Amino acid sequence: GTSFVRARLAAAQTSTYQHRLGTSFVRAQGLSRCAIAAWMVAFSLVTPAGVLLGTLLTTVSDSAVTGALTSVAAGTFLYVGLIEVAQRELAAAKRVEALCETSCSMALGFTLMSLLAIWV
């Protein structure tokens, strides 16, 4: 059901972060293989633990708790999207056309995700 869909979505998103984290560790100086492996194992356990905790909380709590958790999750995604990604992309746009393309792409992405939220 819903838990399986959540787990698949989380796994798909986390794979991108795992790749970035692994690349950062490989480029880092002074970290042993054991330390890198420990951090990667810890990181890989966070997503399943979060899915499990979220599933447990939504089954035993009322709709107010579920709404609060969903709001925190949505706010986190918006913050990361605006601060981490959009700021870099807008700063990298050197021409007015590139700035317009980036802004329109962001607006389209927010619109599509908002429309998707209606049906999910």
N, C-alpha and C. Protein backbone atom coordinates (compact mmCIF):
# COMPACT_ATOMS: atom_id res chain seq x y z
N GLY A 1 0.80 -1.19 0.00
CA GLY A 1 0.00 0.00 0.00
C GLY A 1 0.84 1.25 0.00
N THR A 2 0.40 2.18 0.81
CA THR A 2 1.02 3.50 0.88
C THR A 2 2.44 3.43 1.41
N SER A 3 2.68 2.56 2.38
CA SER A 3 4.03 2.44 2.95
C SER A 3 5.04 1.96 1.91
N PHE A 4 4.61 1.04 1.05
CA PHE A 4 5.50 0.54 0.01
C PHE A 4 5.84 1.65 -0.98
N VAL A 5 4.86 2.46 -1.35
CA VAL A 5 5.11 3.58 -2.26
C VAL A 5 6.05 4.58 -1.61
N ARG A 6 5.84 4.90 -0.34
CA ARG A 6 6.72 5.82 0.37
C ARG A 6 8.15 5.29 0.40
N ALA A 7 8.30 4.02 0.68
CA ALA A 7 9.63 3.42 0.75
C ALA A 7 10.33 3.48 -0.60
N ARG A 8 9.59 3.20 -1.68
CA ARG A 8 10.20 3.26 -3.02
C ARG A 8 10.60 4.68 -3.38
N LEU A 9 9.75 5.66 -3.06
CA LEU A 9 10.09 7.05 -3.35
C LEU A 9 11.30 7.50 -2.55
N ALA A 10 11.34 7.13 -1.29
CA ALA A 10 12.49 7.50 -0.45
C ALA A 10 13.76 6.85 -0.96
N ALA A 11 13.68 5.60 -1.38
CA ALA A 11 14.87 4.91 -1.89
C ALA A 11 15.36 5.55 -3.19
N ALA A 12 14.44 5.93 -4.05
CA ALA A 12 14.83 6.57 -5.32
C ALA A 12 15.53 7.90 -5.06
N GLN A 13 15.00 8.67 -4.14
CA GLN A 13 15.60 9.96 -3.85
C GLN A 13 16.93 9.79 -3.12
N THR A 14 16.99 8.86 -2.21
CA THR A 14 18.19 8.67 -1.41
C THR A 14 19.37 8.19 -2.26
N SER A 15 19.10 7.47 -3.34
CA SER A 15 20.20 6.97 -4.16
C SER A 15 21.03 8.11 -4.73
N THR A 16 20.38 9.22 -5.08
CA THR A 16 21.11 10.39 -5.56
C THR A 16 22.00 10.96 -4.47
N TYR A 17 21.46 11.06 -3.27
CA TYR A 17 22.24 11.58 -2.16
C TYR A 17 23.39 10.65 -1.79
N GLN A 18 23.17 9.34 -1.89
CA GLN A 18 24.23 8.39 -1.60
C GLN A 18 25.40 8.55 -2.57
N HIS A 19 25.07 8.78 -3.82
CA HIS A 19 26.13 8.98 -4.82
C HIS A 19 26.93 10.24 -4.49
N ARG A 20 26.23 11.33 -4.18
CA ARG A 20 26.93 12.58 -3.84
C ARG A 20 27.78 12.42 -2.59
N LEU A 21 27.22 11.76 -1.58
CA LEU A 21 27.96 11.57 -0.33
C LEU A 21 29.19 10.69 -0.56
N GLY A 22 29.02 9.61 -1.32
CA GLY A 22 30.15 8.74 -1.61
C GLY A 22 31.25 9.46 -2.37
N THR A 23 30.87 10.28 -3.34
CA THR A 23 31.84 11.06 -4.10
C THR A 23 32.58 12.04 -3.19
N SER A 24 31.84 12.68 -2.29
CA SER A 24 32.47 13.61 -1.35
C SER A 24 33.46 12.90 -0.44
N PHE A 25 33.10 11.71 0.01
CA PHE A 25 34.02 10.95 0.86
C PHE A 25 35.27 10.54 0.12
N VAL A 26 35.13 10.14 -1.13
CA VAL A 26 36.29 9.73 -1.91
C VAL A 26 37.23 10.91 -2.11
N ARG A 27 36.67 12.09 -2.33
CA ARG A 27 37.50 13.29 -2.53
C ARG A 27 38.09 13.82 -1.23
N ALA A 28 37.50 13.47 -0.11
CA ALA A 28 37.97 14.00 1.19
C ALA A 28 39.35 13.44 1.52
N GLN A 29 40.11 14.24 2.16
CA GLN A 29 41.45 13.84 2.57
C GLN A 29 41.42 13.42 4.04
N GLY A 30 42.15 12.38 4.38
CA GLY A 30 42.33 12.01 5.77
C GLY A 30 41.26 11.10 6.36
N LEU A 31 40.31 10.62 5.57
CA LEU A 31 39.31 9.69 6.10
C LEU A 31 39.72 8.26 5.76
N SER A 32 39.69 7.41 6.76
CA SER A 32 40.03 6.00 6.51
C SER A 32 38.86 5.30 5.83
N ARG A 33 39.16 4.17 5.24
CA ARG A 33 38.09 3.37 4.59
C ARG A 33 37.05 2.94 5.62
N CYS A 34 37.50 2.64 6.81
CA CYS A 34 36.60 2.21 7.88
C CYS A 34 35.65 3.35 8.26
N ALA A 35 36.16 4.56 8.37
CA ALA A 35 35.31 5.70 8.70
C ALA A 35 34.30 5.98 7.59
N ILE A 36 34.76 5.89 6.34
CA ILE A 36 33.86 6.10 5.21
C ILE A 36 32.76 5.04 5.21
N ALA A 37 33.13 3.80 5.44
CA ALA A 37 32.14 2.72 5.47
C ALA A 37 31.15 2.92 6.61
N ALA A 38 31.62 3.35 7.77
CA ALA A 38 30.73 3.57 8.91
C ALA A 38 29.73 4.69 8.60
N TRP A 39 30.20 5.77 8.02
CA TRP A 39 29.30 6.87 7.66
C TRP A 39 28.29 6.45 6.60
N MET A 40 28.72 5.67 5.64
CA MET A 40 27.80 5.22 4.58
C MET A 40 26.74 4.27 5.14
N VAL A 41 27.14 3.39 6.05
CA VAL A 41 26.16 2.49 6.68
C VAL A 41 25.16 3.29 7.50
N ALA A 42 25.65 4.24 8.28
CA ALA A 42 24.75 5.08 9.08
C ALA A 42 23.79 5.83 8.17
N PHE A 43 24.30 6.40 7.09
CA PHE A 43 23.44 7.15 6.16
C PHE A 43 22.41 6.24 5.53
N SER A 44 22.81 5.03 5.17
CA SER A 44 21.87 4.12 4.50
C SER A 44 20.78 3.62 5.44
N LEU A 45 21.00 3.67 6.74
CA LEU A 45 19.99 3.23 7.70
C LEU A 45 18.99 4.32 8.06
N VAL A 46 19.33 5.58 7.80
CA VAL A 46 18.46 6.68 8.18
C VAL A 46 17.15 6.66 7.40
N THR A 47 17.18 6.42 6.10
CA THR A 47 15.96 6.43 5.30
C THR A 47 14.98 5.34 5.71
N PRO A 48 15.41 4.07 5.81
CA PRO A 48 14.45 3.06 6.26
C PRO A 48 13.91 3.34 7.67
N ALA A 49 14.77 3.85 8.54
CA ALA A 49 14.31 4.19 9.89
C ALA A 49 13.27 5.30 9.85
N GLY A 50 13.49 6.29 9.00
CA GLY A 50 12.52 7.39 8.86
C GLY A 50 11.20 6.92 8.28
N VAL A 51 11.25 6.03 7.29
CA VAL A 51 10.02 5.49 6.71
C VAL A 51 9.27 4.68 7.76
N LEU A 52 9.99 3.86 8.52
CA LEU A 52 9.36 3.05 9.56
C LEU A 52 8.75 3.93 10.64
N LEU A 53 9.50 4.91 11.10
CA LEU A 53 8.99 5.82 12.13
C LEU A 53 7.77 6.59 11.63
N GLY A 54 7.84 7.10 10.41
CA GLY A 54 6.71 7.84 9.84
C GLY A 54 5.47 6.96 9.71
N THR A 55 5.67 5.72 9.27
CA THR A 55 4.55 4.78 9.14
C THR A 55 3.94 4.46 10.49
N LEU A 56 4.79 4.22 11.48
CA LEU A 56 4.28 3.93 12.83
C LEU A 56 3.53 5.11 13.41
N LEU A 57 4.07 6.31 13.24
CA LEU A 57 3.41 7.49 13.80
C LEU A 57 2.08 7.78 13.12
N THR A 58 2.00 7.54 11.82
CA THR A 58 0.74 7.83 11.14
C THR A 58 -0.32 6.79 11.45
N THR A 59 0.08 5.58 11.84
CA THR A 59 -0.92 4.56 12.17
C THR A 59 -1.42 4.68 13.60
N VAL A 60 -0.62 5.23 14.50
CA VAL A 60 -1.04 5.30 15.91
C VAL A 60 -1.43 6.71 16.35
N SER A 61 -1.30 7.70 15.50
CA SER A 61 -1.59 9.07 15.92
C SER A 61 -2.80 9.61 15.16
N ASP A 62 -3.22 10.79 15.58
CA ASP A 62 -4.37 11.41 14.92
C ASP A 62 -3.91 12.22 13.71
N SER A 63 -4.86 12.79 13.02
CA SER A 63 -4.55 13.51 11.78
C SER A 63 -3.74 14.78 12.02
N ALA A 64 -3.81 15.35 13.21
CA ALA A 64 -3.03 16.56 13.50
C ALA A 64 -1.54 16.25 13.51
N VAL A 65 -1.16 15.13 14.08
CA VAL A 65 0.26 14.74 14.11
C VAL A 65 0.73 14.42 12.70
N THR A 66 -0.09 13.69 11.95
CA THR A 66 0.26 13.37 10.58
C THR A 66 0.42 14.64 9.75
N GLY A 67 -0.49 15.59 9.91
CA GLY A 67 -0.38 16.86 9.20
C GLY A 67 0.86 17.64 9.58
N ALA A 68 1.20 17.63 10.87
CA ALA A 68 2.41 18.33 11.32
C ALA A 68 3.66 17.70 10.73
N LEU A 69 3.72 16.37 10.73
CA LEU A 69 4.89 15.69 10.16
C LEU A 69 5.01 15.94 8.65
N THR A 70 3.89 15.92 7.96
CA THR A 70 3.89 16.19 6.53
C THR A 70 4.34 17.62 6.26
N SER A 71 3.90 18.56 7.08
CA SER A 71 4.30 19.96 6.92
C SER A 71 5.79 20.14 7.13
N VAL A 72 6.33 19.48 8.13
CA VAL A 72 7.78 19.58 8.38
C VAL A 72 8.56 19.00 7.20
N ALA A 73 8.10 17.86 6.69
CA ALA A 73 8.78 17.24 5.55
C ALA A 73 8.71 18.14 4.32
N ALA A 74 7.54 18.70 4.05
CA ALA A 74 7.40 19.59 2.89
C ALA A 74 8.25 20.84 3.05
N GLY A 75 8.28 21.39 4.24
CA GLY A 75 9.11 22.57 4.49
C GLY A 75 10.58 22.29 4.31
N THR A 76 11.01 21.10 4.70
CA THR A 76 12.41 20.71 4.53
C THR A 76 12.77 20.64 3.05
N PHE A 77 11.88 20.03 2.25
CA PHE A 77 12.15 19.94 0.81
C PHE A 77 12.17 21.32 0.17
N LEU A 78 11.26 22.19 0.57
CA LEU A 78 11.25 23.54 0.01
C LEU A 78 12.52 24.30 0.38
N TYR A 79 12.94 24.18 1.63
CA TYR A 79 14.15 24.86 2.09
C TYR A 79 15.37 24.39 1.29
N VAL A 80 15.53 23.08 1.18
CA VAL A 80 16.68 22.55 0.44
C VAL A 80 16.62 22.97 -1.02
N GLY A 81 15.42 22.91 -1.60
CA GLY A 81 15.27 23.30 -3.00
C GLY A 81 15.59 24.76 -3.24
N LEU A 82 15.13 25.62 -2.36
CA LEU A 82 15.34 27.05 -2.56
C LEU A 82 16.73 27.51 -2.14
N ILE A 83 17.21 27.03 -1.02
CA ILE A 83 18.49 27.50 -0.51
C ILE A 83 19.67 26.79 -1.16
N GLU A 84 19.61 25.48 -1.24
CA GLU A 84 20.75 24.72 -1.75
C GLU A 84 20.82 24.72 -3.27
N VAL A 85 19.70 24.48 -3.93
CA VAL A 85 19.72 24.27 -5.37
C VAL A 85 19.45 25.56 -6.13
N ALA A 86 18.35 26.21 -5.86
CA ALA A 86 17.95 27.38 -6.64
C ALA A 86 18.95 28.53 -6.52
N GLN A 87 19.47 28.73 -5.34
CA GLN A 87 20.44 29.81 -5.15
C GLN A 87 21.67 29.61 -6.04
N ARG A 88 22.18 28.38 -6.09
CA ARG A 88 23.34 28.08 -6.93
C ARG A 88 23.01 28.23 -8.41
N GLU A 89 21.83 27.72 -8.80
CA GLU A 89 21.45 27.78 -10.22
C GLU A 89 21.24 29.22 -10.67
N LEU A 90 20.59 30.01 -9.86
CA LEU A 90 20.37 31.41 -10.24
C LEU A 90 21.67 32.20 -10.26
N ALA A 91 22.58 31.89 -9.36
CA ALA A 91 23.87 32.58 -9.34
C ALA A 91 24.72 32.20 -10.55
N ALA A 92 24.54 30.97 -11.04
CA ALA A 92 25.33 30.49 -12.18
C ALA A 92 24.82 31.04 -13.51
N ALA A 93 23.59 31.55 -13.53
CA ALA A 93 23.01 32.07 -14.77
C ALA A 93 23.67 33.41 -15.09
N LYS A 94 24.49 33.44 -16.14
CA LYS A 94 25.25 34.65 -16.49
C LYS A 94 24.48 35.58 -17.42
N ARG A 95 23.65 35.00 -18.27
CA ARG A 95 22.89 35.81 -19.22
C ARG A 95 21.46 35.98 -18.74
N VAL A 96 20.79 37.00 -19.23
CA VAL A 96 19.40 37.23 -18.87
C VAL A 96 18.53 36.08 -19.36
N GLU A 97 18.83 35.53 -20.54
CA GLU A 97 18.06 34.41 -21.06
C GLU A 97 18.20 33.19 -20.17
N ALA A 98 19.41 32.93 -19.70
CA ALA A 98 19.63 31.79 -18.82
C ALA A 98 18.90 31.97 -17.49
N LEU A 99 18.90 33.20 -16.98
CA LEU A 99 18.17 33.49 -15.75
C LEU A 99 16.68 33.27 -15.94
N CYS A 100 16.16 33.69 -17.08
CA CYS A 100 14.74 33.51 -17.38
C CYS A 100 14.41 32.02 -17.53
N GLU A 101 15.27 31.27 -18.22
CA GLU A 101 15.05 29.84 -18.39
C GLU A 101 15.06 29.12 -17.04
N THR A 102 16.01 29.46 -16.20
CA THR A 102 16.10 28.84 -14.89
C THR A 102 14.88 29.18 -14.04
N SER A 103 14.48 30.43 -14.04
CA SER A 103 13.31 30.85 -13.25
C SER A 103 12.04 30.18 -13.75
N CYS A 104 11.88 30.11 -15.06
CA CYS A 104 10.68 29.46 -15.62
C CYS A 104 10.68 27.96 -15.32
N SER A 105 11.85 27.33 -15.38
CA SER A 105 11.94 25.91 -15.06
C SER A 105 11.58 25.65 -13.60
N MET A 106 12.05 26.53 -12.71
CA MET A 106 11.71 26.38 -11.30
C MET A 106 10.21 26.57 -11.09
N ALA A 107 9.64 27.58 -11.72
CA ALA A 107 8.20 27.82 -11.58
C ALA A 107 7.39 26.64 -12.12
N LEU A 108 7.82 26.08 -13.25
CA LEU A 108 7.14 24.92 -13.82
C LEU A 108 7.25 23.72 -12.87
N GLY A 109 8.42 23.52 -12.30
CA GLY A 109 8.61 22.41 -11.36
C GLY A 109 7.72 22.54 -10.14
N PHE A 110 7.67 23.74 -9.55
CA PHE A 110 6.79 23.96 -8.40
C PHE A 110 5.33 23.75 -8.77
N THR A 111 4.94 24.21 -9.96
CA THR A 111 3.55 24.05 -10.40
C THR A 111 3.20 22.58 -10.59
N LEU A 112 4.08 21.84 -11.26
CA LEU A 112 3.82 20.42 -11.48
C LEU A 112 3.76 19.64 -10.18
N MET A 113 4.65 19.95 -9.25
CA MET A 113 4.63 19.24 -7.97
C MET A 113 3.39 19.61 -7.16
N SER A 114 2.94 20.85 -7.26
CA SER A 114 1.70 21.26 -6.59
C SER A 114 0.50 20.53 -7.18
N LEU A 115 0.46 20.40 -8.50
CA LEU A 115 -0.62 19.66 -9.15
C LEU A 115 -0.57 18.20 -8.75
N LEU A 116 0.63 17.64 -8.67
CA LEU A 116 0.78 16.24 -8.26
C LEU A 116 0.26 16.04 -6.84
N ALA A 117 0.47 17.03 -5.99
CA ALA A 117 0.03 16.92 -4.60
C ALA A 117 -1.49 16.82 -4.48
N ILE A 118 -2.21 17.31 -5.47
CA ILE A 118 -3.69 17.23 -5.45
C ILE A 118 -4.12 15.77 -5.51
N TRP A 119 -3.41 14.94 -6.29
CA TRP A 119 -3.83 13.56 -6.49
C TRP A 119 -3.15 12.56 -5.58
N VAL A 120 -2.12 12.97 -4.86
CA VAL A 120 -1.40 12.01 -4.02
C VAL A 120 -1.84 12.15 -2.57
